PDB file of N, CA and C in Angstrom:
ATOM      1  N   MET A   1       4.984 -22.052  -9.479  1.00  0.00           N
ATOM      2  CA  MET A   1       4.508 -20.535 -10.123  1.00  0.00           C
ATOM      3  C   MET A   1       5.816 -20.087 -10.693  1.00  0.00           C
ATOM      4  N   PRO A   2       5.784 -19.662 -12.047  1.00  0.00           N
ATOM      5  CA  PRO A   2       6.915 -18.870 -12.489  1.00  0.00           C
ATOM      6  C   PRO A   2       7.287 -17.578 -11.773  1.00  0.00           C
ATOM      7  N   VAL A   3       8.506 -17.256 -12.277  1.00  0.00           N
ATOM      8  CA  VAL A   3       8.993 -16.120 -12.092  1.00  0.00           C
ATOM      9  C   VAL A   3       8.269 -14.953 -12.525  1.00  0.00           C
ATOM     10  N   LEU A   4       7.774 -14.182 -11.812  1.00  0.00           N
ATOM     11  CA  LEU A   4       6.745 -12.797 -12.686  1.00  0.00           C
ATOM     12  C   LEU A   4       7.467 -11.602 -12.657  1.00  0.00           C
ATOM     13  N   SER A   5       7.376 -10.904 -13.948  1.00  0.00           N
ATOM     14  CA  SER A   5       7.849  -9.383 -13.757  1.00  0.00           C
ATOM     15  C   SER A   5       6.794  -8.513 -13.526  1.00  0.00           C
ATOM     16  N   PRO A   6       7.074  -7.208 -13.169  1.00  0.00           N
ATOM     17  CA  PRO A   6       5.848  -6.374 -12.681  1.00  0.00           C
ATOM     18  C   PRO A   6       4.760  -6.383 -13.770  1.00  0.00           C
ATOM     19  N   ALA A   7       3.581  -6.210 -13.470  1.00  0.00           N
ATOM     20  CA  ALA A   7       2.759  -6.124 -14.497  1.00  0.00           C
ATOM     21  C   ALA A   7       2.690  -4.639 -14.674  1.00  0.00           C
ATOM     22  N   PRO A   8       1.752  -4.026 -15.866  1.00  0.00           N
ATOM     23  CA  PRO A   8       1.590  -2.801 -16.158  1.00  0.00           C
ATOM     24  C   PRO A   8       1.233  -1.968 -15.025  1.00  0.00           C
ATOM     25  N   ALA A   9       1.887  -0.679 -14.945  1.00  0.00           N
ATOM     26  CA  ALA A   9       1.537   0.352 -13.765  1.00  0.00           C
ATOM     27  C   ALA A   9       0.349   0.658 -13.605  1.00  0.00           C
ATOM     28  N   ILE A  10      -0.243   0.587 -12.643  1.00  0.00           N
ATOM     29  CA  ILE A  10      -1.759   1.474 -12.261  1.00  0.00           C
ATOM     30  C   ILE A  10      -1.603   2.586 -11.328  1.00  0.00           C
ATOM     31  N   SER A  11      -1.916   3.648 -12.083  1.00  0.00           N
ATOM     32  CA  SER A  11      -1.860   5.274 -11.571  1.00  0.00           C
ATOM     33  C   SER A  11      -3.291   5.579 -10.909  1.00  0.00           C
ATOM     34  N   PRO A  12      -3.892   5.145  -9.824  1.00  0.00           N
ATOM     35  CA  PRO A  12      -5.392   5.376  -9.636  1.00  0.00           C
ATOM     36  C   PRO A  12      -5.746   7.015  -9.148  1.00  0.00           C
ATOM     37  N   PHE A  13      -4.381   7.620  -8.931  1.00  0.00           N
ATOM     38  CA  PHE A  13      -4.773   9.113  -8.340  1.00  0.00           C
ATOM     39  C   PHE A  13      -3.304   9.842  -8.467  1.00  0.00           C
ATOM     40  N   PRO A  14      -3.280  11.216  -8.771  1.00  0.00           N
ATOM     41  CA  PRO A  14      -1.778  11.742  -8.814  1.00  0.00           C
ATOM     42  C   PRO A  14      -1.062  11.391  -7.921  1.00  0.00           C
ATOM     43  N   GLY A  15       0.446  11.225  -8.218  1.00  0.00           N
ATOM     44  CA  GLY A  15       1.311  11.061  -7.382  1.00  0.00           C
ATOM     45  C   GLY A  15       1.587   9.851  -6.919  1.00  0.00           C
ATOM     46  N   ALA A  16       0.827   8.670  -7.502  1.00  0.00           N
ATOM     47  CA  ALA A  16       0.937   7.355  -6.666  1.00  0.00           C
ATOM     48  C   ALA A  16       1.106   6.403  -8.167  1.00  0.00           C
ATOM     49  N   THR A  17       1.815   5.404  -8.047  1.00  0.00           N
ATOM     50  CA  THR A  17       1.832   4.497  -8.885  1.00  0.00           C
ATOM     51  C   THR A  17       2.268   3.055  -8.190  1.00  0.00           C
ATOM     52  N   PHE A  18       1.310   1.967  -8.752  1.00  0.00           N
ATOM     53  CA  PHE A  18       1.024   0.559  -8.363  1.00  0.00           C
ATOM     54  C   PHE A  18       1.865  -0.377  -9.334  1.00  0.00           C
ATOM     55  N   HIS A  19       2.750  -1.137  -9.029  1.00  0.00           N
ATOM     56  CA  HIS A  19       3.203  -2.102 -10.090  1.00  0.00           C
ATOM     57  C   HIS A  19       2.807  -3.263  -9.191  1.00  0.00           C
ATOM     58  N   PRO A  20       1.934  -4.110  -9.910  1.00  0.00           N
ATOM     59  CA  PRO A  20       1.611  -5.426  -9.283  1.00  0.00           C
ATOM     60  C   PRO A  20       2.600  -6.548  -9.609  1.00  0.00           C
ATOM     61  N   LEU A  21       2.853  -7.453  -8.515  1.00  0.00           N
ATOM     62  CA  LEU A  21       3.740  -8.285  -8.682  1.00  0.00           C
ATOM     63  C   LEU A  21       3.202  -9.695  -8.704  1.00  0.00           C
ATOM     64  N   VAL A  22       2.468  -9.888  -7.463  1.00  0.00           N
ATOM     65  CA  VAL A  22       1.758 -11.061  -7.245  1.00  0.00           C
ATOM     66  C   VAL A  22       0.379 -11.030  -6.986  1.00  0.00           C
ATOM     67  N   ALA A  23      -0.467 -11.610  -7.647  1.00  0.00           N
ATOM     68  CA  ALA A  23      -2.020 -11.270  -7.267  1.00  0.00           C
ATOM     69  C   ALA A  23      -2.768 -12.461  -8.076  1.00  0.00           C
ATOM     70  N   PRO A  24      -4.006 -12.783  -7.675  1.00  0.00           N
ATOM     71  CA  PRO A  24      -4.917 -13.839  -8.149  1.00  0.00           C
ATOM     72  C   PRO A  24      -4.735 -13.631  -9.673  1.00  0.00           C
ATOM     73  N   SER A  25      -5.003 -12.452 -10.316  1.00  0.00           N
ATOM     74  CA  SER A  25      -4.808 -12.634 -11.854  1.00  0.00           C
ATOM     75  C   SER A  25      -3.286 -12.923 -12.285  1.00  0.00           C
ATOM     76  N   ARG A  26      -2.343 -13.293 -11.275  1.00  0.00           N
ATOM     77  CA  ARG A  26      -1.278 -13.754 -11.902  1.00  0.00           C
ATOM     78  C   ARG A  26      -0.761 -14.777 -11.375  1.00  0.00           C
ATOM     79  N   GLY A  27      -1.861 -15.724 -10.674  1.00  0.00           N
ATOM     80  CA  GLY A  27      -1.711 -17.057 -10.423  1.00  0.00           C
ATOM     81  C   GLY A  27      -1.489 -17.199  -9.003  1.00  0.00           C
ATOM     82  N   ALA A  28      -1.481 -16.118  -8.096  1.00  0.00           N
ATOM     83  CA  ALA A  28      -1.344 -16.251  -6.747  1.00  0.00           C
ATOM     84  C   ALA A  28      -2.616 -16.739  -5.998  1.00  0.00           C
ATOM     85  N   GLU A  29      -2.771 -17.341  -4.970  1.00  0.00           N
ATOM     86  CA  GLU A  29      -3.996 -17.926  -4.092  1.00  0.00           C
ATOM     87  C   GLU A  29      -4.205 -17.120  -2.851  1.00  0.00           C
ATOM     88  N   ARG A  30      -3.313 -16.602  -2.187  1.00  0.00           N
ATOM     89  CA  ARG A  30      -3.335 -16.333  -0.928  1.00  0.00           C
ATOM     90  C   ARG A  30      -2.835 -14.833  -0.565  1.00  0.00           C
ATOM     91  N   THR A  31      -1.655 -14.524  -1.612  1.00  0.00           N
ATOM     92  CA  THR A  31      -1.100 -13.458  -1.302  1.00  0.00           C
ATOM     93  C   THR A  31      -1.007 -12.224  -2.246  1.00  0.00           C
ATOM     94  N   SER A  32      -1.043 -11.087  -2.179  1.00  0.00           N
ATOM     95  CA  SER A  32      -0.953  -9.916  -3.323  1.00  0.00           C
ATOM     96  C   SER A  32       0.292  -8.993  -2.878  1.00  0.00           C
ATOM     97  N   VAL A  33       0.975  -8.925  -3.555  1.00  0.00           N
ATOM     98  CA  VAL A  33       2.188  -8.163  -3.514  1.00  0.00           C
ATOM     99  C   VAL A  33       2.322  -7.242  -4.565  1.00  0.00           C
ATOM    100  N   TRP A  34       2.949  -6.038  -4.441  1.00  0.00           N
ATOM    101  CA  TRP A  34       3.161  -5.039  -4.982  1.00  0.00           C
ATOM    102  C   TRP A  34       4.323  -3.848  -4.685  1.00  0.00           C
ATOM    103  N   GLN A  35       4.659  -3.107  -5.682  1.00  0.00           N
ATOM    104  CA  GLN A  35       5.446  -2.151  -5.550  1.00  0.00           C
ATOM    105  C   GLN A  35       4.956  -0.591  -5.718  1.00  0.00           C
ATOM    106  N   ALA A  36       4.655  -0.047  -4.673  1.00  0.00           N
ATOM    107  CA  ALA A  36       4.258   1.570  -4.865  1.00  0.00           C
ATOM    108  C   ALA A  36       5.220   2.422  -4.656  1.00  0.00           C
ATOM    109  N   THR A  37       5.247   3.294  -5.609  1.00  0.00           N
ATOM    110  CA  THR A  37       5.688   4.630  -5.683  1.00  0.00           C
ATOM    111  C   THR A  37       5.061   5.773  -5.560  1.00  0.00           C
ATOM    112  N   ILE A  38       5.234   6.586  -4.240  1.00  0.00           N
ATOM    113  CA  ILE A  38       4.617   7.687  -4.020  1.00  0.00           C
ATOM    114  C   ILE A  38       5.510   9.073  -4.016  1.00  0.00           C
ATOM    115  N   GLU A  39       4.882  10.066  -4.825  1.00  0.00           N
ATOM    116  CA  GLU A  39       5.502  11.410  -4.727  1.00  0.00           C
ATOM    117  C   GLU A  39       5.270  12.151  -3.652  1.00  0.00           C
ATOM    118  N   PRO A  40       5.972  13.010  -3.007  1.00  0.00           N
ATOM    119  CA  PRO A  40       5.915  13.722  -1.760  1.00  0.00           C
ATOM    120  C   PRO A  40       4.479  14.634  -2.014  1.00  0.00           C
ATOM    121  N   GLY A  41       3.757  14.810  -1.013  1.00  0.00           N
ATOM    122  CA  GLY A  41       2.323  15.372  -1.135  1.00  0.00           C
ATOM    123  C   GLY A  41       1.935  15.207   0.285  1.00  0.00           C
ATOM    124  N   PRO A  42       0.324  15.859   0.225  1.00  0.00           N
ATOM    125  CA  PRO A  42      -0.233  15.883   1.688  1.00  0.00           C
ATOM    126  C   PRO A  42      -0.815  14.661   1.923  1.00  0.00           C
ATOM    127  N   LEU A  43      -0.980  14.384   3.309  1.00  0.00           N
ATOM    128  CA  LEU A  43      -1.664  13.408   3.863  1.00  0.00           C
ATOM    129  C   LEU A  43      -2.928  13.113   3.150  1.00  0.00           C
ATOM    130  N   PRO A  44      -3.073  11.688   2.768  1.00  0.00           N
ATOM    131  CA  PRO A  44      -4.494  11.490   2.381  1.00  0.00           C
ATOM    132  C   PRO A  44      -5.314  11.168   3.625  1.00  0.00           C
ATOM    133  N   ASP A  45      -6.657  11.006   2.945  1.00  0.00           N
ATOM    134  CA  ASP A  45      -7.939  11.031   4.145  1.00  0.00           C
ATOM    135  C   ASP A  45      -7.615   9.558   4.671  1.00  0.00           C
ATOM    136  N   PRO A  46      -7.743   9.570   5.790  1.00  0.00           N
ATOM    137  CA  PRO A  46      -7.469   7.992   6.706  1.00  0.00           C
ATOM    138  C   PRO A  46      -8.510   7.175   6.031  1.00  0.00           C
ATOM    139  N   HIS A  47      -8.025   5.770   6.084  1.00  0.00           N
ATOM    140  CA  HIS A  47      -8.989   4.687   5.597  1.00  0.00           C
ATOM    141  C   HIS A  47      -8.880   3.494   6.426  1.00  0.00           C
ATOM    142  N   GLN A  48      -9.414   2.472   6.394  1.00  0.00           N
ATOM    143  CA  GLN A  48      -9.257   1.324   6.858  1.00  0.00           C
ATOM    144  C   GLN A  48      -9.087   0.053   5.963  1.00  0.00           C
ATOM    145  N   LEU A  49      -8.305  -0.873   6.442  1.00  0.00           N
ATOM    146  CA  LEU A  49      -8.004  -2.395   5.703  1.00  0.00           C
ATOM    147  C   LEU A  49      -8.916  -3.247   6.442  1.00  0.00           C
ATOM    148  N   THR A  50      -9.536  -4.382   5.641  1.00  0.00           N
ATOM    149  CA  THR A  50     -10.552  -5.482   5.985  1.00  0.00           C
ATOM    150  C   THR A  50      -9.201  -6.732   6.568  1.00  0.00           C
ATOM    151  N   ALA A  51      -7.990  -6.543   6.190  1.00  0.00           N
ATOM    152  CA  ALA A  51      -7.007  -7.593   6.368  1.00  0.00           C
ATOM    153  C   ALA A  51      -5.620  -6.841   6.921  1.00  0.00           C
ATOM    154  N   GLU A  52      -4.857  -7.509   7.716  1.00  0.00           N
ATOM    155  CA  GLU A  52      -3.463  -6.912   7.894  1.00  0.00           C
ATOM    156  C   GLU A  52      -2.674  -6.817   6.433  1.00  0.00           C
ATOM    157  N   GLU A  53      -2.420  -5.573   6.315  1.00  0.00           N
ATOM    158  CA  GLU A  53      -1.303  -4.834   5.532  1.00  0.00           C
ATOM    159  C   GLU A  53       0.109  -4.503   5.479  1.00  0.00           C
ATOM    160  N   VAL A  54       1.020  -5.129   4.874  1.00  0.00           N
ATOM    161  CA  VAL A  54       2.310  -4.702   5.435  1.00  0.00           C
ATOM    162  C   VAL A  54       3.149  -3.985   4.459  1.00  0.00           C
ATOM    163  N   PHE A  55       3.845  -2.891   4.931  1.00  0.00           N
ATOM    164  CA  PHE A  55       4.674  -2.206   3.949  1.00  0.00           C
ATOM    165  C   PHE A  55       6.198  -2.263   4.263  1.00  0.00           C
ATOM    166  N   VAL A  56       7.065  -2.493   3.217  1.00  0.00           N
ATOM    167  CA  VAL A  56       8.491  -2.290   3.383  1.00  0.00           C
ATOM    168  C   VAL A  56       8.756  -1.131   2.736  1.00  0.00           C
ATOM    169  N   VAL A  57       9.499  -0.183   3.327  1.00  0.00           N
ATOM    170  CA  VAL A  57      10.182   0.921   2.980  1.00  0.00           C
ATOM    171  C   VAL A  57      11.539   0.467   1.951  1.00  0.00           C
ATOM    172  N   LEU A  58      11.241   0.797   0.807  1.00  0.00           N
ATOM    173  CA  LEU A  58      12.540   0.642   0.051  1.00  0.00           C
ATOM    174  C   LEU A  58      13.424   1.618  -0.066  1.00  0.00           C
ATOM    175  N   ASP A  59      12.716   2.900  -0.301  1.00  0.00           N
ATOM    176  CA  ASP A  59      13.435   4.190  -0.538  1.00  0.00           C
ATOM    177  C   ASP A  59      12.547   5.341  -0.086  1.00  0.00           C
ATOM    178  N   GLY A  60      13.354   6.091   0.419  1.00  0.00           N
ATOM    179  CA  GLY A  60      12.436   7.382   0.889  1.00  0.00           C
ATOM    180  C   GLY A  60      11.885   7.644   2.385  1.00  0.00           C
ATOM    181  N   THR A  61      11.108   8.346   2.638  1.00  0.00           N
ATOM    182  CA  THR A  61      10.644   8.821   3.868  1.00  0.00           C
ATOM    183  C   THR A  61       8.995   8.648   4.001  1.00  0.00           C
ATOM    184  N   ALA A  62       8.606   7.749   4.941  1.00  0.00           N
ATOM    185  CA  ALA A  62       7.004   7.602   4.833  1.00  0.00           C
ATOM    186  C   ALA A  62       6.551   8.190   6.339  1.00  0.00           C
ATOM    187  N   THR A  63       5.671   9.054   6.320  1.00  0.00           N
ATOM    188  CA  THR A  63       4.982   9.400   7.451  1.00  0.00           C
ATOM    189  C   THR A  63       3.826   8.636   7.753  1.00  0.00           C
ATOM    190  N   VAL A  64       3.478   8.090   8.783  1.00  0.00           N
ATOM    191  CA  VAL A  64       2.223   6.972   8.879  1.00  0.00           C
ATOM    192  C   VAL A  64       1.431   7.523   9.733  1.00  0.00           C
ATOM    193  N   ARG A  65       0.087   7.547   9.815  1.00  0.00           N
ATOM    194  CA  ARG A  65      -0.876   8.114  10.895  1.00  0.00           C
ATOM    195  C   ARG A  65      -1.367   6.612  10.965  1.00  0.00           C
ATOM    196  N   LEU A  66      -1.765   6.182  12.058  1.00  0.00           N
ATOM    197  CA  LEU A  66      -2.029   4.811  12.485  1.00  0.00           C
ATOM    198  C   LEU A  66      -2.493   4.742  13.712  1.00  0.00           C
ATOM    199  N   ALA A  67      -3.969   4.711  13.888  1.00  0.00           N
ATOM    200  CA  ALA A  67      -4.824   4.714  15.044  1.00  0.00           C
ATOM    201  C   ALA A  67      -4.504   5.918  16.050  1.00  0.00           C
ATOM    202  N   GLY A  68      -4.643   7.078  15.320  1.00  0.00           N
ATOM    203  CA  GLY A  68      -4.166   8.233  15.998  1.00  0.00           C
ATOM    204  C   GLY A  68      -2.732   8.886  16.535  1.00  0.00           C
ATOM    205  N   GLU A  69      -1.724   7.753  16.430  1.00  0.00           N
ATOM    206  CA  GLU A  69      -0.446   7.898  16.160  1.00  0.00           C
ATOM    207  C   GLU A  69       0.432   8.493  15.376  1.00  0.00           C
ATOM    208  N   THR A  70       1.258   9.367  14.932  1.00  0.00           N
ATOM    209  CA  THR A  70       2.015   9.505  13.664  1.00  0.00           C
ATOM    210  C   THR A  70       3.470   9.144  14.230  1.00  0.00           C
ATOM    211  N   LEU A  71       4.048   8.252  12.948  1.00  0.00           N
ATOM    212  CA  LEU A  71       5.038   7.375  13.123  1.00  0.00           C
ATOM    213  C   LEU A  71       5.965   7.787  11.771  1.00  0.00           C
ATOM    214  N   THR A  72       7.210   7.913  11.520  1.00  0.00           N
ATOM    215  CA  THR A  72       7.895   7.982  10.553  1.00  0.00           C
ATOM    216  C   THR A  72       8.599   6.484  10.422  1.00  0.00           C
ATOM    217  N   ALA A  73       8.924   6.005   8.955  1.00  0.00           N
ATOM    218  CA  ALA A  73       9.516   4.785   8.663  1.00  0.00           C
ATOM    219  C   ALA A  73      10.487   5.445   7.513  1.00  0.00           C
ATOM    220  N   GLY A  74      11.725   4.774   7.422  1.00  0.00           N
ATOM    221  CA  GLY A  74      12.933   5.054   6.446  1.00  0.00           C
ATOM    222  C   GLY A  74      12.990   3.731   5.782  1.00  0.00           C
ATOM    223  N   PRO A  75      13.858   3.835   4.960  1.00  0.00           N
ATOM    224  CA  PRO A  75      14.697   2.186   4.398  1.00  0.00           C
ATOM    225  C   PRO A  75      14.854   1.090   5.117  1.00  0.00           C
ATOM    226  N   GLY A  76      14.212   0.150   4.876  1.00  0.00           N
ATOM    227  CA  GLY A  76      14.341  -1.100   5.939  1.00  0.00           C
ATOM    228  C   GLY A  76      13.332  -1.237   6.797  1.00  0.00           C
ATOM    229  N   ASP A  77      12.848  -0.173   7.229  1.00  0.00           N
ATOM    230  CA  ASP A  77      11.626  -0.158   8.051  1.00  0.00           C
ATOM    231  C   ASP A  77      10.282  -1.077   7.459  1.00  0.00           C
ATOM    232  N   ALA A  78       9.426  -1.798   8.350  1.00  0.00           N
ATOM    233  CA  ALA A  78       8.338  -2.457   7.937  1.00  0.00           C
ATOM    234  C   ALA A  78       6.921  -1.679   8.872  1.00  0.00           C
ATOM    235  N   ILE A  79       5.939  -1.635   8.152  1.00  0.00           N
ATOM    236  CA  ILE A  79       4.742  -1.025   8.843  1.00  0.00           C
ATOM    237  C   ILE A  79       3.866  -2.236   8.681  1.00  0.00           C
ATOM    238  N   VAL A  80       3.166  -2.055   9.805  1.00  0.00           N
ATOM    239  CA  VAL A  80       2.336  -3.297  10.006  1.00  0.00           C
ATOM    240  C   VAL A  80       0.937  -2.566   9.906  1.00  0.00           C
ATOM    241  N   VAL A  81      -0.025  -2.769   9.151  1.00  0.00           N
ATOM    242  CA  VAL A  81      -1.331  -1.956   9.677  1.00  0.00           C
ATOM    243  C   VAL A  81      -2.408  -3.051   9.878  1.00  0.00           C
ATOM    244  N   PRO A  82      -3.181  -3.251  11.046  1.00  0.00           N
ATOM    245  CA  PRO A  82      -3.961  -4.294  11.404  1.00  0.00           C
ATOM    246  C   PRO A  82      -5.246  -3.711  10.719  1.00  0.00           C
ATOM    247  N   PRO A  83      -6.011  -4.788  10.532  1.00  0.00           N
ATOM    248  CA  PRO A  83      -7.529  -4.522  10.228  1.00  0.00           C
ATOM    249  C   PRO A  83      -8.323  -3.752  11.295  1.00  0.00           C
ATOM    250  N   ASP A  84      -9.128  -3.062  10.318  1.00  0.00           N
ATOM    251  CA  ASP A  84      -9.964  -2.145  10.874  1.00  0.00           C
ATOM    252  C   ASP A  84      -9.601  -1.181  11.938  1.00  0.00           C
ATOM    253  N   THR A  85      -8.424  -0.527  11.449  1.00  0.00           N
ATOM    254  CA  THR A  85      -7.576   0.261  12.082  1.00  0.00           C
ATOM    255  C   THR A  85      -7.561   1.533  11.283  1.00  0.00           C
ATOM    256  N   ASP A  86      -8.140   2.829  11.805  1.00  0.00           N
ATOM    257  CA  ASP A  86      -7.594   4.161  10.885  1.00  0.00           C
ATOM    258  C   ASP A  86      -6.031   4.449  10.422  1.00  0.00           C
ATOM    259  N   PHE A  87      -5.909   4.684   9.091  1.00  0.00           N
ATOM    260  CA  PHE A  87      -4.776   4.586   8.859  1.00  0.00           C
ATOM    261  C   PHE A  87      -4.376   5.571   7.412  1.00  0.00           C
ATOM    262  N   ALA A  88      -3.328   6.163   7.465  1.00  0.00           N
ATOM    263  CA  ALA A  88      -2.895   6.948   6.389  1.00  0.00           C
ATOM    264  C   ALA A  88      -1.422   7.202   6.042  1.00  0.00           C
ATOM    265  N   LEU A  89      -0.989   7.045   5.068  1.00  0.00           N
ATOM    266  CA  LEU A  89       0.258   6.894   4.796  1.00  0.00           C
ATOM    267  C   LEU A  89       0.845   8.024   3.626  1.00  0.00           C
ATOM    268  N   HIS A  90       1.898   8.606   3.893  1.00  0.00           N
ATOM    269  CA  HIS A  90       2.347   9.778   2.636  1.00  0.00           C
ATOM    270  C   HIS A  90       3.948   9.963   2.676  1.00  0.00           C
ATOM    271  N   ASN A  91       4.225  10.276   1.798  1.00  0.00           N
ATOM    272  CA  ASN A  91       5.918  10.786   1.523  1.00  0.00           C
ATOM    273  C   ASN A  91       6.245  11.994   2.595  1.00  0.00           C
ATOM    274  N   THR A  92       6.884  12.067   3.073  1.00  0.00           N
ATOM    275  CA  THR A  92       7.048  13.392   3.745  1.00  0.00           C
ATOM    276  C   THR A  92       8.620  13.891   3.204  1.00  0.00           C
ATOM    277  N   GLY A  93       9.192  12.858   2.387  1.00  0.00           N
ATOM    278  CA  GLY A  93      10.466  13.058   1.818  1.00  0.00           C
ATOM    279  C   GLY A  93      10.886  14.288   0.673  1.00  0.00           C
ATOM    280  N   THR A  94      11.889  14.415   0.172  1.00  0.00           N
ATOM    281  CA  THR A  94      12.082  15.084  -1.079  1.00  0.00           C
ATOM    282  C   THR A  94      11.993  14.308  -2.551  1.00  0.00           C
ATOM    283  N   GLY A  95      11.988  13.211  -2.328  1.00  0.00           N
ATOM    284  CA  GLY A  95      12.161  12.376  -3.502  1.00  0.00           C
ATOM    285  C   GLY A  95      11.170  11.241  -3.437  1.00  0.00           C
ATOM    286  N   PRO A  96      10.921  10.625  -4.548  1.00  0.00           N
ATOM    287  CA  PRO A  96       9.982   9.333  -4.587  1.00  0.00           C
ATOM    288  C   PRO A  96      10.233   8.385  -3.179  1.00  0.00           C
ATOM    289  N   LEU A  97       9.049   7.907  -2.619  1.00  0.00           N
ATOM    290  CA  LEU A  97       9.057   7.081  -1.574  1.00  0.00           C
ATOM    291  C   LEU A  97       8.752   5.710  -2.469  1.00  0.00           C
ATOM    292  N   ARG A  98       9.541   4.669  -2.488  1.00  0.00           N
ATOM    293  CA  ARG A  98       9.115   3.500  -2.834  1.00  0.00           C
ATOM    294  C   ARG A  98       8.851   2.560  -1.759  1.00  0.00           C
ATOM    295  N   LEU A  99       7.911   1.598  -2.182  1.00  0.00           N
ATOM    296  CA  LEU A  99       7.319   0.340  -0.740  1.00  0.00           C
ATOM    297  C   LEU A  99       7.108  -0.796  -1.644  1.00  0.00           C
ATOM    298  N   LEU A 100       7.594  -1.887  -0.842  1.00  0.00           N
ATOM    299  CA  LEU A 100       7.013  -3.295  -1.219  1.00  0.00           C
ATOM    300  C   LEU A 100       5.708  -3.563  -0.220  1.00  0.00           C
ATOM    301  N   CYS A 101       4.761  -3.809  -0.780  1.00  0.00           N
ATOM    302  CA  CYS A 101       3.730  -4.057   0.009  1.00  0.00           C
ATOM    303  C   CYS A 101       2.959  -5.311  -0.458  1.00  0.00           C
ATOM    304  N   ALA A 102       2.403  -6.084   0.857  1.00  0.00           N
ATOM    305  CA  ALA A 102       1.485  -6.999   0.813  1.00  0.00           C
ATOM    306  C   ALA A 102       0.267  -7.307   1.591  1.00  0.00           C
ATOM    307  N   LEU A 103      -0.776  -7.731   0.937  1.00  0.00           N
ATOM    308  CA  LEU A 103      -2.058  -7.773   1.354  1.00  0.00           C
ATOM    309  C   LEU A 103      -2.668  -9.176   1.173  1.00  0.00           C
ATOM    310  N   PRO A 104      -3.302 -10.021   2.379  1.00  0.00           N
ATOM    311  CA  PRO A 104      -3.831 -11.077   1.628  1.00  0.00           C
ATOM    312  C   PRO A 104      -4.951 -10.971   0.565  1.00  0.00           C
ATOM    313  N   VAL A 105      -5.251 -11.973  -0.109  1.00  0.00           N
ATOM    314  CA  VAL A 105      -5.913 -11.769  -1.111  1.00  0.00           C
ATOM    315  C   VAL A 105      -7.427 -12.026  -0.473  1.00  0.00           C
ATOM    316  N   GLY A 106      -8.172 -11.054  -1.035  1.00  0.00           N
ATOM    317  CA  GLY A 106      -9.524 -10.673  -0.333  1.00  0.00           C
ATOM    318  C   GLY A 106      -9.669  -9.572   0.446  1.00  0.00           C
ATOM    319  N   GLY A 107      -8.455  -9.165   0.667  1.00  0.00           N
ATOM    320  CA  GLY A 107      -8.398  -7.757   1.623  1.00  0.00           C
ATOM    321  C   GLY A 107      -9.101  -6.586   0.633  1.00  0.00           C
ATOM    322  N   GLN A 108      -9.624  -5.573   1.450  1.00  0.00           N
ATOM    323  CA  GLN A 108     -10.323  -4.765   0.973  1.00  0.00           C
ATOM    324  C   GLN A 108      -9.902  -3.325   1.489  1.00  0.00           C
ATOM    325  N   VAL A 109     -10.148  -2.300   1.066  1.00  0.00           N
ATOM    326  CA  VAL A 109     -10.115  -1.007   1.387  1.00  0.00           C
ATOM    327  C   VAL A 109     -11.453  -0.421   1.741  1.00  0.00           C
ATOM    328  N   ARG A 110     -11.608   0.237   2.935  1.00  0.00           N
ATOM    329  CA  ARG A 110     -12.879   0.748   3.588  1.00  0.00           C
ATOM    330  C   ARG A 110     -12.553   2.222   3.762  1.00  0.00           C
ATOM    331  N   MET A 111     -13.287   2.943   3.039  1.00  0.00           N
ATOM    332  CA  MET A 111     -13.161   4.480   3.071  1.00  0.00           C
ATOM    333  C   MET A 111     -13.830   5.101   4.150  1.00  0.00           C
ATOM    334  N   PRO A 112     -13.639   6.564   4.315  1.00  0.00           N
ATOM    335  CA  PRO A 112     -14.217   7.207   5.605  1.00  0.00           C
ATOM    336  C   PRO A 112     -15.807   7.324   5.134  1.00  0.00           C
ATOM    337  N   ASP A 113     -16.168   7.146   4.280  1.00  0.00           N
ATOM    338  CA  ASP A 113     -17.840   7.095   3.766  1.00  0.00           C
ATOM    339  C   ASP A 113     -18.399   5.805   3.870  1.00  0.00           C
ATOM    340  N   GLY A 114     -17.599   4.769   4.363  1.00  0.00           N
ATOM    341  CA  GLY A 114     -18.031   3.422   4.338  1.00  0.00           C
ATOM    342  C   GLY A 114     -18.137   2.505   3.138  1.00  0.00           C
ATOM    343  N   ALA A 115     -17.477   3.174   2.154  1.00  0.00           N
ATOM    344  CA  ALA A 115     -17.418   2.311   0.679  1.00  0.00           C
ATOM    345  C   ALA A 115     -16.352   1.342   0.718  1.00  0.00           C
ATOM    346  N   VAL A 116     -16.250   0.402   0.127  1.00  0.00           N
ATOM    347  CA  VAL A 116     -15.484  -0.910   0.455  1.00  0.00           C
ATOM    348  C   VAL A 116     -15.027  -1.355  -0.908  1.00  0.00           C
ATOM    349  N   PHE A 117     -14.056  -1.274  -1.199  1.00  0.00           N
ATOM    350  CA  PHE A 117     -13.431  -1.979  -2.428  1.00  0.00           C
ATOM    351  C   PHE A 117     -12.072  -2.571  -2.435  1.00  0.00           C
ATOM    352  N   THR A 118     -11.982  -3.545  -3.537  1.00  0.00           N
ATOM    353  CA  THR A 118     -10.475  -4.379  -3.848  1.00  0.00           C
ATOM    354  C   THR A 118      -9.954  -3.560  -4.592  1.00  0.00           C
ATOM    355  N   PRO A 119      -8.607  -3.058  -4.100  1.00  0.00           N
ATOM    356  CA  PRO A 119      -7.630  -2.395  -4.902  1.00  0.00           C
ATOM    357  C   PRO A 119      -7.332  -3.096  -6.123  1.00  0.00           C
ATOM    358  N   PRO A 120      -7.317  -2.425  -7.268  1.00  0.00           N
ATOM    359  CA  PRO A 120      -7.017  -3.119  -8.547  1.00  0.00           C
ATOM    360  C   PRO A 120      -5.597  -3.943  -8.664  1.00  0.00           C
ATOM    361  N   TRP A 121      -4.850  -3.691  -8.039  1.00  0.00           N
ATOM    362  CA  TRP A 121      -3.314  -3.926  -8.183  1.00  0.00           C
ATOM    363  C   TRP A 121      -3.251  -5.080  -7.212  1.00  0.00           C
ATOM    364  N   THR A 122      -4.375  -5.603  -6.402  1.00  0.00           N
ATOM    365  CA  THR A 122      -4.300  -6.854  -5.719  1.00  0.00           C
ATOM    366  C   THR A 122      -4.976  -7.938  -6.171  1.00  0.00           C
ATOM    367  N   ALA A 123      -5.577  -7.494  -7.220  1.00  0.00           N
ATOM    368  CA  ALA A 123      -6.917  -8.668  -8.014  1.00  0.00           C
ATOM    369  C   ALA A 123      -6.101  -9.544  -8.808  1.00  0.00           C
TER     370      ALA A 123
END
């Protein structure tokens, strides 16, 4: 597989931008990787994942609510989110939160209302 530059940014909701790096649409078979930038803001609604997702904090401070526990992660920390576990992440710092994220191909998001979707930055 060649060296891949980030694909065009995807901004599905205010305050968050996703830069796809590796995905099936870019030649990957098993793993999607992207960089996320999240501006400071309120905690989003909890959701679940159908597969394990990993976040590595590059810059900033993340507050993570995972299975009822609230945790803080900073630069160099990794956050591992197991499948089928309530999860929410937000930026509690003063500047942008930058994350490197990975999800197996086929992993999906399950919203509180039961709706399931494949994030477009992983396809």
